[in-house]
Amino acid sequence: TENLPNRAPSNGYGMTETTALAIGNGGADYQAKPDSIGRPSPVVDARVVDPAGDELPPGEVGELCVRGPNVILGYWNKPEATAQTFINGWVHTGDMAKIDEEGFVYIVDRAKDMVIRGGENVYCAEVEAALFEHPAVDDVAVIGIPHEELGEEVGAVIRLSPGQSVTLEDLQAFLSDRLAKFKIPVHVWFRDAELPRNPGGKILKTHLRREILGN
C-alpha cells in the first residue's frame, strides 16, 4: 500500500471448472477479513459438505462445492472423472474450507493434502504457515507419513534459509505454543535443493513422497 497508495488489495477464488472467478473479497470486506477468499459471486452458490455429501453448518470444515451458470458441465471424454467431480449440479473442488455466519469462505487445505493422524485431521497448510514463522525456514512442504497404528504421522520437508541451521527438536519446541501437539511434525527432512513445483508454482508433494518413501 505504500508503493501503490491508490490501490486496495483483494482476494479471490476460481478454477478451470468455474471458468472464472467464483468467489471474491475486496474493499472493506477484505480489510475486515483478509484471510477469507470472500463471498460467492451473485450467480454462484457455495457450500461445504462432509464425506457423505451432506451440507455442514457455518464454521465447520468440509469440502467446498460450488454451482452456477459459470460451472462447466464436465470433462471432455472423461465420464468417470466427470461423475466423481460434478454431482447434482455441484462441482466438488477438492479444497477443504469453512463458511462463516456471514457467508465468507475460508480455504483450509487441499483435501488430498490433509493428514489423518489417529482420527484427527491435520491441515498441512496450517502447519506450513506455522513453520514459515521460523526464521531458518525458507521453504516447506508438510506431508503425511504412513504409520502402522495411527494411519499417518506428520512430516515436513524443509529448505533452510542460507546460512541457517536448525534441528527437529528446535522446530518442535518452536511449534509447541503455536500448534496442538498432534499437528507437530515428528519427521523432518532437510534439503538444499529447491522443492519441486509445477508450472503454476504449486509444490509437487507426490514427488516429495516418492523421493522420501519410494514407490
Foldseek 3Di string as FASTA:
>chain_A
DVVCVPDWDWAFDDDVQLVDTFAIGTDPRCVVPVQFRHAGDPFKDKFFAAPVRHTDDAPDKHFIKMAGPSGDQADPPPVVRRPVQADPRIGGDQWIWGAHPVRTIHTQAGNVQWEQFQNDTAHFVLVQVLLVVDQQFPHKGWHWDQDPPGRTAIEMETETDPPDDDDLVRQLVSCPVPDDNRRRHPYYHYDNDDADDDPVRHGPVVVVCCVVVND
